[in-house]
Protein backbone atom coordinates (compact mmCIF):
# COMPACT_ATOMS: atom_id res chain seq x y z
CA MET A 1 3.97 11.70 -14.27
CA THR A 2 4.79 10.65 -10.72
CA ALA A 3 8.24 10.42 -9.18
CA ASP A 4 7.86 6.64 -9.01
CA THR A 5 6.99 6.49 -12.70
CA GLY A 6 9.99 8.60 -13.60
CA ARG A 7 12.22 6.44 -11.41
CA ARG A 8 11.00 3.21 -12.99
CA LEU A 9 11.50 4.58 -16.48
CA ALA A 10 14.97 5.81 -15.60
CA ILE A 11 16.02 2.36 -14.42
CA ALA A 12 14.33 0.66 -17.35
CA ALA A 13 15.96 2.95 -19.86
CA ALA A 14 19.38 2.43 -18.33
CA PHE A 15 19.06 -1.33 -18.56
CA VAL A 16 17.72 -1.02 -22.08
CA THR A 17 20.94 0.73 -22.90
CA ILE A 18 23.14 -2.01 -21.49
CA GLY A 19 21.23 -4.96 -22.81
CA LEU A 20 17.54 -5.08 -23.55
CA LEU A 21 17.50 -3.50 -26.98
CA ALA A 22 21.19 -3.27 -27.69
CA ALA A 23 21.68 -6.99 -27.19
CA GLY A 24 18.68 -8.27 -29.15
CA ALA A 25 19.51 -9.92 -32.45
CA VAL A 26 16.89 -9.12 -35.10
CA ALA A 27 15.33 -10.68 -38.15
CA GLY A 28 16.22 -9.45 -41.62
CA VAL A 29 14.76 -6.15 -42.70
CA SER A 30 16.53 -4.19 -45.39
CA GLY A 31 17.75 -0.72 -44.47
CA LEU A 32 18.76 2.15 -46.71
CA ASP A 33 19.89 0.76 -50.01
CA GLN A 34 23.04 2.85 -50.16
CA VAL A 35 26.44 1.69 -51.30
CA GLY A 36 28.86 1.17 -48.43
CA GLN A 37 26.26 1.36 -45.65
CA PRO A 38 24.97 -1.66 -43.71
CA SER A 39 21.26 -2.19 -43.36
CA GLY A 40 19.47 -1.47 -40.10
CA ASP A 41 19.28 -5.12 -39.12
CA GLU A 42 22.99 -5.54 -39.84
CA VAL A 43 23.87 -2.62 -37.55
CA LEU A 44 21.70 -3.92 -34.73
CA ASP A 45 23.03 -7.45 -35.21
CA ARG A 46 26.62 -6.18 -34.94
CA THR A 47 25.63 -4.23 -31.83
CA ALA A 48 24.17 -7.41 -30.38
CA GLN A 49 27.41 -9.26 -31.09
CA ARG A 50 29.42 -6.44 -29.48
CA TYR A 51 27.48 -6.69 -26.23
CA ASP A 52 27.06 -10.48 -26.34
CA ALA A 53 30.81 -10.96 -26.58
CA ALA A 54 31.42 -8.95 -23.42
CA GLU A 55 31.79 -10.72 -20.09
CA THR A 56 31.15 -7.40 -18.34
CA VAL A 57 29.74 -4.00 -19.28
CA THR A 58 29.94 -0.80 -17.25
CA GLY A 59 29.01 2.78 -18.01
CA THR A 60 27.20 5.97 -17.16
CA ALA A 61 24.18 7.60 -18.77
CA THR A 62 21.85 10.54 -18.34
CA VAL A 63 18.16 9.65 -18.48
CA THR A 64 15.44 12.24 -19.01
CA VAL A 65 11.74 11.41 -18.84
CA GLU A 66 9.27 14.13 -19.73
CA ASN A 67 5.69 14.73 -20.74
CA ASP A 68 3.54 17.81 -21.23
CA SER A 69 3.43 18.59 -17.50
CA ALA A 70 6.76 17.49 -16.03
CA SER A 71 10.37 16.61 -16.73
CA LYS A 72 12.74 14.53 -14.61
CA THR A 73 16.41 13.75 -15.12
CA ALA A 74 18.60 11.12 -13.50
CA THR A 75 22.23 10.12 -13.78
CA VAL A 76 22.68 6.36 -13.92
CA GLU A 77 25.85 4.38 -13.33
CA TYR A 78 25.50 0.73 -14.28
CA ALA A 79 27.37 -2.55 -14.41
CA ALA A 80 26.50 -6.02 -15.66
CA ALA A 81 28.39 -9.31 -15.59
CA GLU A 82 27.66 -12.66 -17.16
CA PRO A 83 25.66 -14.67 -16.57
CA ASP A 84 23.25 -13.08 -14.11
CA LYS A 85 24.59 -10.01 -12.29
CA ALA A 86 23.49 -6.39 -12.68
CA TRP A 87 23.79 -3.15 -10.71
CA ALA A 88 22.73 0.46 -11.14
CA ALA A 89 23.10 3.62 -9.05
CA VAL A 90 20.53 6.31 -9.81
CA THR A 91 20.99 9.92 -8.77
CA THR A 92 18.32 12.60 -9.12
CA PRO A 93 18.19 16.14 -7.72
CA ASN A 94 16.04 14.87 -4.83
CA ARG A 95 17.28 11.38 -4.05
CA SER A 96 19.71 8.62 -4.84
CA TYR A 97 19.49 4.85 -4.58
CA GLU A 98 21.01 1.62 -5.85
CA VAL A 99 19.42 -1.50 -7.31
CA GLY A 100 20.98 -4.78 -8.30
CA THR A 101 20.92 -8.54 -8.45
CA ASN A 102 23.51 -11.23 -7.92
CA GLY A 103 21.29 -13.75 -9.68
CA THR A 104 19.79 -15.03 -6.43
CA VAL A 105 18.57 -11.86 -4.70
CA VAL A 106 17.14 -8.71 -6.27
CA TRP A 107 17.84 -5.80 -3.95
CA ALA A 108 17.52 -2.04 -3.59
CA VAL A 109 19.00 0.52 -1.23
CA GLY A 110 17.38 3.90 -0.66
CA GLU A 111 18.09 6.73 1.74
CA ASN A 112 16.40 5.15 4.74
CA GLU A 113 16.22 1.41 4.17
CA SER A 114 17.12 -1.51 1.94
CA TYR A 115 15.22 -4.55 0.82
CA GLY A 116 15.86 -7.77 -1.03
CA ARG A 117 13.75 -10.40 -2.72
CA GLU A 118 14.91 -13.98 -3.02
CA LEU A 119 14.52 -15.19 -6.59
CA PRO A 120 12.84 -18.57 -7.08
CA GLU A 121 15.07 -20.88 -9.09
CA MET A 122 12.69 -20.91 -12.04
CA THR A 123 12.74 -17.10 -12.36
CA ALA A 124 16.38 -16.42 -11.61
CA VAL A 125 18.20 -14.24 -14.12
CA ASN A 126 19.91 -16.43 -16.68
CA ASP A 127 21.61 -14.02 -19.07
CA THR A 128 22.24 -10.39 -18.23
CA THR A 129 23.39 -9.24 -21.65
CA ASP A 130 21.08 -11.18 -23.98
CA PRO A 131 17.56 -11.28 -22.51
CA VAL A 132 15.64 -10.57 -25.74
CA PRO A 133 14.58 -13.44 -28.03
CA GLU A 134 15.82 -13.24 -31.58
CA GLY A 135 13.53 -11.78 -34.18
CA ASN A 136 11.35 -9.61 -31.96
CA VAL A 137 12.64 -6.25 -33.22
CA THR A 138 13.22 -4.91 -36.72
CA ALA A 139 15.48 -1.97 -37.53
CA THR A 140 15.56 0.64 -40.29
CA LEU A 141 18.70 2.67 -40.90
CA GLN A 142 17.79 6.36 -41.19
CA GLY A 143 21.28 7.72 -41.73
CA ILE A 144 24.37 8.84 -39.84
CA SER A 145 24.65 11.69 -37.35
CA GLU A 146 26.87 12.83 -34.49
CA VAL A 147 26.31 12.33 -30.76
CA ASP A 148 28.73 14.37 -28.66
CA GLY A 149 31.20 14.40 -31.55
CA GLU A 150 30.93 10.64 -32.19
CA SER A 151 29.68 9.32 -35.54
CA ALA A 152 26.60 7.13 -35.09
CA TYR A 153 24.15 5.13 -37.16
CA VAL A 154 20.56 6.22 -36.52
CA LEU A 155 18.11 3.30 -36.29
CA ASP A 156 14.33 3.26 -36.00
CA LEU A 157 13.24 0.16 -34.06
CA GLU A 158 9.87 -1.56 -34.36
CA PRO A 159 8.51 -4.81 -32.93
CA THR A 160 8.31 -7.65 -35.44
CA ASN A 161 4.80 -8.43 -34.18
CA GLU A 162 2.64 -5.61 -35.55
CA SER A 163 0.00 -6.23 -32.87
CA VAL A 164 2.43 -5.10 -30.15
CA ASP A 165 1.74 -1.51 -29.10
CA ALA A 166 5.34 -0.37 -28.61
CA PRO A 167 6.62 3.20 -28.22
CA ASN A 168 8.43 4.89 -31.07
CA THR A 169 12.08 4.04 -30.47
CA THR A 170 15.26 5.43 -32.05
CA LEU A 171 18.76 4.14 -31.32
CA TRP A 172 22.13 5.75 -32.08
CA VAL A 173 25.00 3.24 -32.51
CA ASP A 174 28.68 4.04 -33.01
CA THR A 175 29.79 3.55 -36.62
CA GLU A 176 33.19 2.17 -35.57
CA ASP A 177 32.71 -0.12 -32.56
CA TYR A 178 28.89 -0.42 -32.27
CA ARG A 179 28.56 1.05 -28.80
CA VAL A 180 25.16 2.52 -27.96
CA HIS A 181 25.38 6.31 -27.74
CA LYS A 182 21.75 7.32 -27.36
CA LEU A 183 18.20 6.00 -27.13
CA THR A 184 14.85 7.77 -27.33
CA THR A 185 11.33 6.42 -26.85
CA ASP A 186 7.95 8.13 -27.15
CA ASP A 187 4.76 6.32 -26.14
CA GLY A 188 2.52 9.30 -26.85
CA THR A 189 2.59 10.44 -23.23
CA ASN A 190 6.10 10.05 -21.85
CA ARG A 191 9.25 10.79 -23.83
CA THR A 192 12.44 9.14 -22.58
CA THR A 193 15.95 10.07 -23.68
CA VAL A 194 19.03 8.12 -22.66
CA VAL A 195 22.43 9.62 -23.49
CA VAL A 196 25.29 7.24 -22.74
CA ALA A 197 28.35 9.15 -21.57
CA GLU A 198 30.67 6.17 -21.14
CA THR A 199 30.72 2.45 -21.94
CA ASN A 200 33.43 -0.03 -20.92
CA PHE A 201 33.62 -3.66 -21.98
CA ASN A 202 35.37 -6.53 -20.20
CA VAL A 203 36.60 -4.56 -17.21
CA SER A 204 37.18 -6.31 -13.90
CA ILE A 205 34.23 -6.04 -11.51
CA ASP A 206 34.40 -7.41 -7.98
CA ASP A 207 31.44 -9.61 -7.00
CA SER A 208 30.79 -7.29 -4.05
CA GLN A 209 29.43 -4.79 -6.59
CA PHE A 210 26.36 -7.00 -7.00
CA ALA A 211 26.05 -8.28 -3.41
CA PRO A 212 22.82 -7.40 -1.56
CA PRO A 213 23.12 -5.41 1.68
CA ALA A 214 23.52 -7.54 4.79
CA ASP A 215 20.82 -5.60 6.69
CA ARG A 216 18.19 -5.90 3.97
CA VAL A 217 14.53 -6.44 4.79
CA ALA A 218 13.06 -9.35 2.84
CA VAL A 219 10.00 -8.54 0.76
CA THR A 220 7.46 -10.76 -0.93
CA THR A 221 8.63 -14.17 -2.10
CA THR A 222 6.49 -16.76 -3.85
CA GLU A 223 6.64 -20.44 -4.64
CA THR A 224 4.22 -22.48 -6.75
CA TYR A 225 3.32 -26.15 -6.14
CA ASP A 226 1.51 -28.60 -8.42
CA SER A 227 0.25 -30.96 -5.72
CA PHE A 228 -1.40 -30.61 -2.32
CA ASP A 229 1.28 -32.73 -0.62
CA ALA A 230 4.05 -30.55 -2.04
CA ALA A 231 2.27 -27.40 -0.85
CA GLN A 232 1.80 -28.84 2.64
CA SER A 233 5.47 -29.82 2.80
CA GLY A 234 6.47 -26.28 1.85
CA THR A 235 4.77 -24.54 4.78
CA ASP A 236 4.27 -24.82 8.54
CA LEU A 237 0.60 -23.88 8.10
CA ASP A 238 -1.95 -26.67 8.48
CA LEU A 239 -3.64 -26.58 5.07
CA PRO A 240 -7.24 -27.69 4.58
CA ALA A 241 -8.00 -29.71 1.46
CA TYR A 242 -11.14 -29.46 -0.68
CA GLU A 243 -11.93 -33.08 -1.48
CA ASN A 244 -14.87 -32.28 -3.79
CA GLY A 245 -12.65 -30.49 -6.29
CA THR A 246 -9.61 -31.30 -8.40
CA PHE A 247 -6.42 -29.68 -7.11
CA GLU A 248 -4.94 -27.32 -9.73
CA GLU A 249 -2.08 -25.53 -7.97
CA ALA A 250 -1.05 -23.80 -4.76
CA ARG A 251 0.98 -20.65 -4.34
CA TYR A 252 2.97 -19.89 -1.20
CA ILE A 253 3.42 -16.17 -0.52
CA SER A 254 5.73 -14.83 2.16
CA ARG A 255 5.99 -11.24 3.40
CA PRO A 256 7.84 -9.85 6.41
CA GLU A 257 4.60 -9.59 8.39
CA SER A 258 2.61 -12.52 7.01
CA THR A 259 2.52 -15.76 5.05
CA ALA A 260 -0.24 -17.25 2.96
CA VAL A 261 -1.03 -20.29 0.86
CA VAL A 262 -3.56 -19.92 -1.94
CA GLN A 263 -4.92 -23.21 -3.27
CA ARG A 264 -6.89 -23.41 -6.49
CA TYR A 265 -9.39 -26.19 -7.26
CA ASP A 266 -11.60 -27.08 -10.21
CA ALA A 267 -15.09 -28.12 -9.05
CA ASP A 268 -16.97 -29.31 -12.15
CA GLY A 269 -15.74 -26.36 -14.17
CA GLU A 270 -16.12 -23.81 -11.35
CA ASN A 271 -13.11 -22.24 -9.66
CA VAL A 272 -12.77 -22.66 -5.90
CA THR A 273 -9.95 -20.91 -4.06
CA VAL A 274 -8.92 -21.89 -0.53
CA LEU A 275 -6.90 -19.35 1.47
CA THR A 276 -4.79 -19.97 4.58
CA ALA A 277 -2.85 -17.05 6.03
CA THR A 278 -1.17 -15.56 9.06
CA GLY A 279 -1.10 -11.84 9.73
CA ALA A 280 -4.35 -11.26 7.84
CA SER A 281 -6.48 -10.03 10.73
CA SER A 282 -5.12 -6.47 10.52
CA TYR A 283 -6.20 -6.27 6.88
CA LEU A 284 -9.67 -7.62 7.64
CA GLU A 285 -10.54 -5.33 10.56
CA GLY A 286 -11.70 -2.56 8.27
CA VAL A 287 -13.72 -4.73 5.90
CA GLU A 288 -17.15 -3.25 5.23
CA ASN A 289 -20.41 -4.84 4.08
CA GLY A 290 -19.54 -8.21 5.58
CA THR A 291 -22.32 -10.59 6.62
CA ALA A 292 -22.06 -12.78 9.73
CA VAL A 293 -22.47 -16.48 8.91
CA GLN A 294 -21.84 -19.83 10.57
CA VAL A 295 -19.45 -22.48 9.22
CA ASP A 296 -19.82 -25.73 11.18
CA GLY A 297 -20.79 -23.72 14.26
CA ARG A 298 -17.86 -21.33 13.80
CA ASP A 299 -18.40 -17.57 13.49
CA ALA A 300 -17.38 -16.43 10.00
CA THR A 301 -17.82 -13.49 7.66
CA ALA A 302 -19.13 -13.51 4.10
CA ILE A 303 -18.50 -10.80 1.52
CA ALA A 304 -20.21 -10.85 -1.88
CA ARG A 305 -18.67 -8.90 -4.75
CA ASP A 306 -20.07 -9.11 -8.26
CA ASP A 307 -20.37 -12.84 -9.01
CA ARG A 308 -17.99 -13.99 -6.28
CA THR A 309 -18.32 -14.62 -2.57
CA VAL A 310 -15.63 -14.88 0.09
CA VAL A 311 -16.23 -16.62 3.41
CA TYR A 312 -13.47 -16.42 6.03
CA TRP A 313 -12.82 -17.01 9.73
CA THR A 314 -9.84 -16.67 12.08
CA ASP A 315 -8.59 -19.11 14.70
CA GLY A 316 -5.74 -17.65 16.72
CA GLU A 317 -3.29 -16.20 14.22
CA VAL A 318 -4.51 -18.21 11.22
CA THR A 319 -7.23 -16.99 8.87
CA THR A 320 -8.92 -19.48 6.56
CA GLY A 321 -11.21 -18.58 3.69
CA VAL A 322 -12.82 -19.79 0.51
CA VAL A 323 -13.67 -17.90 -2.66
CA VAL A 324 -16.35 -19.25 -5.01
CA GLU A 325 -18.10 -18.03 -8.11
CA GLY A 326 -21.53 -18.04 -6.53
CA THR A 327 -23.72 -17.03 -3.61
CA THR A 328 -23.04 -16.83 0.11
CA ASP A 329 -24.87 -20.12 0.68
CA GLU A 330 -22.69 -21.80 -1.91
CA ALA A 331 -19.53 -20.38 -0.33
CA VAL A 332 -20.59 -21.58 3.13
CA ALA A 333 -21.33 -25.04 1.72
CA VAL A 334 -17.83 -25.24 0.23
CA ALA A 335 -16.29 -24.00 3.48
CA GLU A 336 -18.07 -26.73 5.42
CA GLU A 337 -16.59 -29.35 3.08
CA LEU A 338 -12.96 -28.44 3.88
């Protein structure tokens, strides 16, 4: 288990605690048929209502991820606010960092740098505390136990869809106010334990808690277009069109050091991809097994891999290429039709 894996699981488990599982309403599955005890689905439904009703949630938790060869522990402080704000500070013995979103930018701050990604409107966070569709988890009440002196229902959680390969998950929920006290998951390799030390509902949180750092470095952003004209309007690059195919979509990709537009066409059932990019030459310098070809008298390079061939050339700072499901000759022919 790598440090990155442990870090991702720590963040994921923390957010599971504040919303992903705790806030998911579930379909009816009967729990223990004991007088005076709710069923598993009733407990989880009440937990969902507890978190759904909150405008804000804050807390702290200890997250431990372990397998047969390693064990890592992190302390996580977290906060969430309706409808689309979240923040977490993760501290491990070796490092600390913060991650968050204000609904428009997802950001992170480490020891040496920070970064932020602008969220396209279609993928912006819509609901921090209720992101799970109803009916996707079933719960079975296993009994009542104590977590740090607090009485808790013990629930086994399973996906409603039996084809989903989900880890074994157990959730401990307070018997009085339905706060999450503990969560464990086991996927057969990694075992994650989240112990929630503190949970606060409806406390005041200043918006600055979720604001991205002013000196952040932007990372990859994407935008998808359903017409050639829309794609051309969305970039300063001069895009070539493939007139012998039917335009399917274009994706604009922006990174700090480069931009690219990837167009996809259907040519009588065959996929043709047209690439236009800046900043690509540094990635192409080390390409091996390329074959020199000519495209309308222009020097180009062809690379064949499996059943696909890429032909590309660079003019100034702009690299243009085509990808076809076919031979080098077929790729050159398509390139000459741009």
